[in-house]
C-alpha atoms as a PDB file:
ATOM      1  CA  MET A   1     -12.996 -15.638 -22.334  1.00  0.00           C
ATOM      2  CA  LYS A   2     -13.244 -19.024 -24.018  1.00  0.00           C
ATOM      3  CA  ASP A   3     -10.074 -21.028 -24.506  1.00  0.00           C
ATOM      4  CA  HIS A   4     -10.505 -21.225 -28.267  1.00  0.00           C
ATOM      5  CA  ALA A   5     -10.450 -17.403 -28.510  1.00  0.00           C
ATOM      6  CA  ALA A   6      -6.649 -17.380 -28.223  1.00  0.00           C
ATOM      7  CA  HIS A   7      -6.475 -19.556 -31.361  1.00  0.00           C
ATOM      8  CA  ASP A   8      -9.050 -17.594 -33.377  1.00  0.00           C
ATOM      9  CA  HIS A   9      -7.328 -16.480 -36.579  1.00  0.00           C
ATOM     10  CA  THR A  10     -10.525 -15.591 -38.462  1.00  0.00           C
ATOM     11  CA  ALA A  11     -11.020 -12.059 -39.765  1.00  0.00           C
ATOM     12  CA  ASN A  12     -13.016  -9.400 -37.945  1.00  0.00           C
ATOM     13  CA  PRO A  13     -16.455  -9.296 -39.669  1.00  0.00           C
ATOM     14  CA  ALA A  14     -17.551  -6.033 -38.015  1.00  0.00           C
ATOM     15  CA  PRO A  15     -16.212  -3.684 -40.742  1.00  0.00           C
ATOM     16  CA  LEU A  16     -18.112  -5.633 -43.399  1.00  0.00           C
ATOM     17  CA  GLY A  17     -21.360  -5.375 -41.454  1.00  0.00           C
ATOM     18  CA  LEU A  18     -20.787  -1.720 -40.636  1.00  0.00           C
ATOM     19  CA  LEU A  19     -20.160  -0.873 -44.285  1.00  0.00           C
ATOM     20  CA  GLY A  20     -23.279  -2.761 -45.361  1.00  0.00           C
ATOM     21  CA  PHE A  21     -25.281  -0.814 -42.833  1.00  0.00           C
ATOM     22  CA  GLY A  22     -23.556   2.548 -43.227  1.00  0.00           C
ATOM     23  CA  MET A  23     -23.431   2.867 -46.998  1.00  0.00           C
ATOM     24  CA  THR A  24     -27.046   1.750 -47.446  1.00  0.00           C
ATOM     25  CA  THR A  25     -28.201   4.063 -44.662  1.00  0.00           C
ATOM     26  CA  VAL A  26     -26.475   7.066 -46.236  1.00  0.00           C
ATOM     27  CA  LEU A  27     -28.064   6.364 -49.617  1.00  0.00           C
ATOM     28  CA  LEU A  28     -31.577   5.877 -48.223  1.00  0.00           C
ATOM     29  CA  ASN A  29     -31.346   9.039 -46.177  1.00  0.00           C
ATOM     30  CA  LEU A  30     -30.096  11.064 -49.111  1.00  0.00           C
ATOM     31  CA  HIS A  31     -33.494  10.121 -50.540  1.00  0.00           C
ATOM     32  CA  ASN A  32     -35.231  11.104 -47.275  1.00  0.00           C
ATOM     33  CA  ALA A  33     -33.387  14.421 -47.428  1.00  0.00           C
ATOM     34  CA  GLY A  34     -34.833  15.002 -50.892  1.00  0.00           C
ATOM     35  CA  VAL A  35     -31.654  14.574 -52.919  1.00  0.00           C
ATOM     36  CA  PHE A  36     -33.012  11.852 -55.246  1.00  0.00           C
ATOM     37  CA  GLU A  37     -35.950   9.468 -55.649  1.00  0.00           C
ATOM     38  CA  LEU A  38     -36.436   6.032 -54.112  1.00  0.00           C
ATOM     39  CA  GLY A  39     -35.408   3.826 -57.028  1.00  0.00           C
ATOM     40  CA  SER A  40     -33.831   0.516 -57.897  1.00  0.00           C
ATOM     41  CA  MET A  41     -30.386   1.629 -56.682  1.00  0.00           C
ATOM     42  CA  ILE A  42     -31.542   1.952 -53.069  1.00  0.00           C
ATOM     43  CA  LEU A  43     -33.664  -1.200 -53.246  1.00  0.00           C
ATOM     44  CA  ALA A  44     -30.751  -3.205 -54.668  1.00  0.00           C
ATOM     45  CA  MET A  45     -28.428  -1.909 -51.940  1.00  0.00           C
ATOM     46  CA  GLY A  46     -31.079  -2.782 -49.374  1.00  0.00           C
ATOM     47  CA  ILE A  47     -31.334  -6.370 -50.600  1.00  0.00           C
ATOM     48  CA  PHE A  48     -27.702  -7.189 -51.199  1.00  0.00           C
ATOM     49  CA  TYR A  49     -25.372  -4.967 -49.147  1.00  0.00           C
ATOM     50  CA  GLY A  50     -27.613  -3.693 -46.391  1.00  0.00           C
ATOM     51  CA  GLY A  51     -29.518  -6.986 -46.174  1.00  0.00           C
ATOM     52  CA  ILE A  52     -27.684 -10.144 -47.216  1.00  0.00           C
ATOM     53  CA  CYS A  53     -24.223  -8.759 -46.449  1.00  0.00           C
ATOM     54  CA  GLN A  54     -25.163  -7.815 -42.886  1.00  0.00           C
ATOM     55  CA  VAL A  55     -26.808 -11.180 -42.254  1.00  0.00           C
ATOM     56  CA  CYS A  56     -23.580 -12.852 -43.392  1.00  0.00           C
ATOM     57  CA  ALA A  57     -21.590 -10.593 -41.044  1.00  0.00           C
ATOM     58  CA  GLY A  58     -23.947 -11.519 -38.212  1.00  0.00           C
ATOM     59  CA  LEU A  59     -23.376 -15.223 -38.856  1.00  0.00           C
ATOM     60  CA  MET A  60     -19.632 -14.645 -38.829  1.00  0.00           C
ATOM     61  CA  GLU A  61     -19.982 -12.826 -35.489  1.00  0.00           C
ATOM     62  CA  TRP A  62     -21.889 -15.870 -34.187  1.00  0.00           C
ATOM     63  CA  LYS A  63     -18.945 -18.045 -35.191  1.00  0.00           C
ATOM     64  CA  LYS A  64     -16.691 -15.780 -33.118  1.00  0.00           C
ATOM     65  CA  GLY A  65     -18.995 -16.125 -30.094  1.00  0.00           C
ATOM     66  CA  ASN A  66     -20.114 -12.490 -30.110  1.00  0.00           C
ATOM     67  CA  THR A  67     -23.769 -12.172 -29.126  1.00  0.00           C
ATOM     68  CA  PHE A  68     -23.941  -8.398 -29.581  1.00  0.00           C
ATOM     69  CA  GLY A  69     -22.542  -8.474 -33.116  1.00  0.00           C
ATOM     70  CA  THR A  70     -24.737 -11.427 -34.043  1.00  0.00           C
ATOM     71  CA  VAL A  71     -27.923  -9.738 -32.870  1.00  0.00           C
ATOM     72  CA  ALA A  72     -27.048  -6.326 -34.331  1.00  0.00           C
ATOM     73  CA  PHE A  73     -25.880  -7.325 -37.814  1.00  0.00           C
ATOM     74  CA  THR A  74     -28.418 -10.112 -38.331  1.00  0.00           C
ATOM     75  CA  SER A  75     -31.285  -7.918 -37.127  1.00  0.00           C
ATOM     76  CA  TYR A  76     -30.406  -4.904 -39.263  1.00  0.00           C
ATOM     77  CA  GLY A  77     -29.723  -7.141 -42.247  1.00  0.00           C
ATOM     78  CA  PHE A  78     -33.270  -8.442 -42.031  1.00  0.00           C
ATOM     79  CA  PHE A  79     -34.491  -4.906 -41.345  1.00  0.00           C
ATOM     80  CA  TRP A  80     -33.242  -3.891 -44.773  1.00  0.00           C
ATOM     81  CA  LEU A  81     -34.762  -6.960 -46.419  1.00  0.00           C
ATOM     82  CA  SER A  82     -38.096  -6.304 -44.715  1.00  0.00           C
ATOM     83  CA  LEU A  83     -37.981  -2.625 -45.691  1.00  0.00           C
ATOM     84  CA  VAL A  84     -37.491  -3.562 -49.336  1.00  0.00           C
ATOM     85  CA  ALA A  85     -40.383  -6.024 -49.030  1.00  0.00           C
ATOM     86  CA  LEU A  86     -42.610  -3.236 -47.662  1.00  0.00           C
ATOM     87  CA  VAL A  87     -41.899  -1.229 -50.818  1.00  0.00           C
ATOM     88  CA  VAL A  88     -42.006  -4.054 -53.371  1.00  0.00           C
ATOM     89  CA  LEU A  89     -44.853  -6.320 -52.157  1.00  0.00           C
ATOM     90  CA  PRO A  90     -47.644  -3.778 -52.775  1.00  0.00           C
ATOM     91  CA  LYS A  91     -46.321  -3.185 -56.298  1.00  0.00           C
ATOM     92  CA  THR A  92     -46.564  -6.907 -57.057  1.00  0.00           C
ATOM     93  CA  GLY A  93     -50.112  -7.167 -55.765  1.00  0.00           C
ATOM     94  CA  LEU A  94     -49.108  -9.670 -53.078  1.00  0.00           C
ATOM     95  CA  ALA A  95     -49.978  -7.310 -50.212  1.00  0.00           C
ATOM     96  CA  THR A  96     -51.627  -3.984 -49.592  1.00  0.00           C
ATOM     97  CA  ALA A  97     -49.478  -0.930 -48.915  1.00  0.00           C
ATOM     98  CA  THR A  98     -48.713  -0.247 -45.266  1.00  0.00           C
ATOM     99  CA  SER A  99     -50.541   2.702 -43.729  1.00  0.00           C
ATOM    100  CA  SER A 100     -48.661   5.612 -42.194  1.00  0.00           C
ATOM    101  CA  GLY A 101     -49.681   4.342 -38.764  1.00  0.00           C
ATOM    102  CA  GLY A 102     -48.346   0.894 -39.593  1.00  0.00           C
ATOM    103  CA  MET A 103     -45.041   2.341 -40.737  1.00  0.00           C
ATOM    104  CA  ALA A 104     -44.821   4.408 -37.549  1.00  0.00           C
ATOM    105  CA  ALA A 105     -45.302   1.247 -35.465  1.00  0.00           C
ATOM    106  CA  TYR A 106     -42.730  -0.624 -37.573  1.00  0.00           C
ATOM    107  CA  LEU A 107     -40.137   2.115 -37.149  1.00  0.00           C
ATOM    108  CA  ALA A 108     -40.914   2.515 -33.440  1.00  0.00           C
ATOM    109  CA  MET A 109     -40.267  -1.181 -32.776  1.00  0.00           C
ATOM    110  CA  TRP A 110     -36.909  -0.967 -34.527  1.00  0.00           C
ATOM    111  CA  GLY A 111     -36.204   2.104 -32.430  1.00  0.00           C
ATOM    112  CA  VAL A 112     -36.856   0.113 -29.244  1.00  0.00           C
ATOM    113  CA  LEU A 113     -34.427  -2.608 -30.349  1.00  0.00           C
ATOM    114  CA  THR A 114     -31.827   0.004 -31.238  1.00  0.00           C
ATOM    115  CA  LEU A 115     -32.184   1.693 -27.857  1.00  0.00           C
ATOM    116  CA  VAL A 116     -31.531  -1.641 -26.126  1.00  0.00           C
ATOM    117  CA  LEU A 117     -28.434  -2.185 -28.265  1.00  0.00           C
ATOM    118  CA  PHE A 118     -27.280   1.379 -27.595  1.00  0.00           C
ATOM    119  CA  ILE A 119     -27.292   0.608 -23.874  1.00  0.00           C
ATOM    120  CA  GLY A 120     -25.021  -2.334 -24.703  1.00  0.00           C
ATOM    121  CA  THR A 121     -22.609  -0.032 -26.541  1.00  0.00           C
ATOM    122  CA  LEU A 122     -21.904   1.843 -23.315  1.00  0.00           C
ATOM    123  CA  ARG A 123     -19.394  -0.950 -22.720  1.00  0.00           C
ATOM    124  CA  LEU A 124     -17.836  -0.417 -26.164  1.00  0.00           C
ATOM    125  CA  ASN A 125     -16.034   2.390 -27.974  1.00  0.00           C
ATOM    126  CA  ARG A 126     -17.337   5.935 -28.493  1.00  0.00           C
ATOM    127  CA  VAL A 127     -17.843   5.673 -32.237  1.00  0.00           C
ATOM    128  CA  THR A 128     -20.026   2.570 -31.846  1.00  0.00           C
ATOM    129  CA  GLN A 129     -22.018   4.498 -29.242  1.00  0.00           C
ATOM    130  CA  LEU A 130     -22.504   7.308 -31.772  1.00  0.00           C
ATOM    131  CA  VAL A 131     -23.716   4.857 -34.431  1.00  0.00           C
ATOM    132  CA  PHE A 132     -26.399   3.396 -32.189  1.00  0.00           C
ATOM    133  CA  ALA A 133     -27.364   6.661 -30.495  1.00  0.00           C
ATOM    134  CA  SER A 134     -27.888   8.389 -33.843  1.00  0.00           C
ATOM    135  CA  LEU A 135     -29.761   5.361 -35.183  1.00  0.00           C
ATOM    136  CA  THR A 136     -32.104   5.442 -32.178  1.00  0.00           C
ATOM    137  CA  VAL A 137     -32.813   9.105 -32.883  1.00  0.00           C
ATOM    138  CA  LEU A 138     -33.300   8.349 -36.583  1.00  0.00           C
ATOM    139  CA  PHE A 139     -35.945   5.707 -35.938  1.00  0.00           C
ATOM    140  CA  ALA A 140     -37.713   8.051 -33.513  1.00  0.00           C
ATOM    141  CA  LEU A 141     -37.752  10.900 -36.035  1.00  0.00           C
ATOM    142  CA  LEU A 142     -38.994   8.681 -38.858  1.00  0.00           C
ATOM    143  CA  ALA A 143     -41.688   7.106 -36.676  1.00  0.00           C
ATOM    144  CA  VAL A 144     -43.022  10.499 -35.594  1.00  0.00           C
ATOM    145  CA  ALA A 145     -42.808  11.798 -39.173  1.00  0.00           C
ATOM    146  CA  ASP A 146     -44.919   8.905 -40.435  1.00  0.00           C
ATOM    147  CA  ALA A 147     -47.375   9.196 -37.566  1.00  0.00           C
ATOM    148  CA  THR A 148     -47.904  12.921 -38.093  1.00  0.00           C
ATOM    149  CA  GLY A 149     -47.268  13.255 -41.820  1.00  0.00           C
ATOM    150  CA  ASN A 150     -44.715  15.974 -41.099  1.00  0.00           C
ATOM    151  CA  GLU A 151     -42.529  16.233 -44.215  1.00  0.00           C
ATOM    152  CA  THR A 152     -40.145  18.706 -42.593  1.00  0.00           C
ATOM    153  CA  LEU A 153     -39.432  16.209 -39.835  1.00  0.00           C
ATOM    154  CA  LYS A 154     -38.738  13.529 -42.439  1.00  0.00           C
ATOM    155  CA  LEU A 155     -36.274  15.901 -44.108  1.00  0.00           C
ATOM    156  CA  VAL A 156     -34.519  16.454 -40.771  1.00  0.00           C
ATOM    157  CA  ALA A 157     -34.455  12.690 -40.254  1.00  0.00           C
ATOM    158  CA  GLY A 158     -32.794  12.325 -43.644  1.00  0.00           C
ATOM    159  CA  TRP A 159     -29.849  14.527 -42.709  1.00  0.00           C
ATOM    160  CA  GLU A 160     -29.577  12.927 -39.267  1.00  0.00           C
ATOM    161  CA  GLY A 161     -29.573   9.513 -40.966  1.00  0.00           C
ATOM    162  CA  ILE A 162     -26.696  10.578 -43.196  1.00  0.00           C
ATOM    163  CA  LEU A 163     -24.709  11.323 -40.027  1.00  0.00           C
ATOM    164  CA  CYS A 164     -25.637   7.910 -38.637  1.00  0.00           C
ATOM    165  CA  GLY A 165     -24.543   6.078 -41.778  1.00  0.00           C
ATOM    166  CA  ALA A 166     -21.367   8.121 -42.061  1.00  0.00           C
ATOM    167  CA  SER A 167     -20.411   7.257 -38.471  1.00  0.00           C
ATOM    168  CA  ALA A 168     -20.784   3.544 -39.286  1.00  0.00           C
ATOM    169  CA  ILE A 169     -18.607   3.951 -42.383  1.00  0.00           C
ATOM    170  CA  TYR A 170     -15.991   5.725 -40.256  1.00  0.00           C
ATOM    171  CA  ALA A 171     -16.080   2.899 -37.689  1.00  0.00           C
ATOM    172  CA  ALA A 172     -15.526   0.339 -40.442  1.00  0.00           C
ATOM    173  CA  ALA A 173     -12.690   2.311 -42.022  1.00  0.00           C
ATOM    174  CA  ALA A 174     -11.019   2.756 -38.639  1.00  0.00           C
ATOM    175  CA  GLN A 175     -11.116  -0.952 -37.855  1.00  0.00           C
ATOM    176  CA  VAL A 176      -9.715  -1.922 -41.248  1.00  0.00           C
ATOM    177  CA  LEU A 177      -6.930   0.675 -41.302  1.00  0.00           C
ATOM    178  CA  ASN A 178      -5.984   0.236 -37.648  1.00  0.00           C
ATOM    179  CA  GLU A 179      -5.617  -3.511 -38.181  1.00  0.00           C
ATOM    180  CA  VAL A 180      -3.666  -3.173 -41.432  1.00  0.00           C
ATOM    181  CA  TYR A 181      -1.207  -0.651 -39.967  1.00  0.00           C
ATOM    182  CA  GLY A 182      -1.021  -2.236 -36.526  1.00  0.00           C
ATOM    183  CA  ARG A 183      -1.625   1.091 -34.827  1.00  0.00           C
ATOM    184  CA  THR A 184      -4.358   3.688 -34.358  1.00  0.00           C
ATOM    185  CA  VAL A 185      -4.759   5.478 -37.679  1.00  0.00           C
ATOM    186  CA  LEU A 186      -8.358   6.535 -37.040  1.00  0.00           C
ATOM    187  CA  PRO A 187      -9.360   6.667 -33.354  1.00  0.00           C
ATOM    188  CA  LEU A 188     -12.494   4.881 -32.180  1.00  0.00           C
ATOM    189  CA  GLY A 189     -12.497   6.247 -28.649  1.00  0.00           C
ATOM    190  CA  ASP A 190     -11.739   2.863 -27.155  1.00  0.00           C
ATOM    191  CA  ARG A 191     -12.352   2.287 -23.483  1.00  0.00           C
ATOM    192  CA  ALA A 192      -8.787   0.922 -23.275  1.00  0.00           C
ATOM    193  CA  GLN A 193      -6.733   3.261 -25.438  1.00  0.00           C
ATOM    194  CA  HIS A 194      -3.851   0.823 -25.914  1.00  0.00           C
ATOM    195  CA  LYS A 195      -6.149  -1.706 -27.575  1.00  0.00           C
ATOM    196  CA  VAL A 196      -8.123  -1.668 -30.777  1.00  0.00           C
ATOM    197  CA  VAL A 197     -11.481  -3.000 -29.535  1.00  0.00           C
ATOM    198  CA  PRO A 198     -14.001  -2.911 -32.375  1.00  0.00           C
ATOM    199  CA  LEU A 199     -17.704  -3.729 -32.293  1.00  0.00           C
ATOM    200  CA  HIS A 200     -17.161  -7.460 -32.073  1.00  0.00           C
ATOM    201  CA  CYS A 201     -14.815  -7.295 -29.069  1.00  0.00           C
ATOM    202  CA  LYS A 202     -16.221  -8.019 -25.624  1.00  0.00           C
ATOM    203  CA  ALA A 203     -15.594  -5.456 -22.908  1.00  0.00           C
ATOM    204  CA  ALA A 204     -13.382  -6.471 -20.024  1.00  0.00           C
END
């Protein structure tokens, strides 16, 4: 561990990034599950909370010297911004709409990245593992749904995505409350049970 780490009094940015990811993911997948339409609410969340907020959290993780957090939050922040662009650009006439095959490839590539990050979470707590495992499954389901045009599979993906987003929200809430109270209020399944080791913390 670097010497300056002992003098690091900056806040943990992981809950902010997790909330940006989790809340936006739940809302988008409520749409995928058929609860409501894809409208300005989801697009606005995708730009500002899912997108810009996560990029900011990633930059804060960089400041703390955490490669995993930097890559994860910055990548998924730009995922949300790119997803909004895929929806909006065709409506402005600046680009043609992406084909179902193109969307399947797009989602599959994000699934590959997520799988790599999931392997990294095997050194972290159980809840973080759940977030990335369920996100890997979500990308796989959505990619296959787009490739095959299977609406039932997209519906299943929607409910699975709600679980994914909810697990990220739980992880954020746990980190905030555990830090505020100085004890484990909501368990994360830490590898070292006597420590609160959130997403940004390096494994021993």
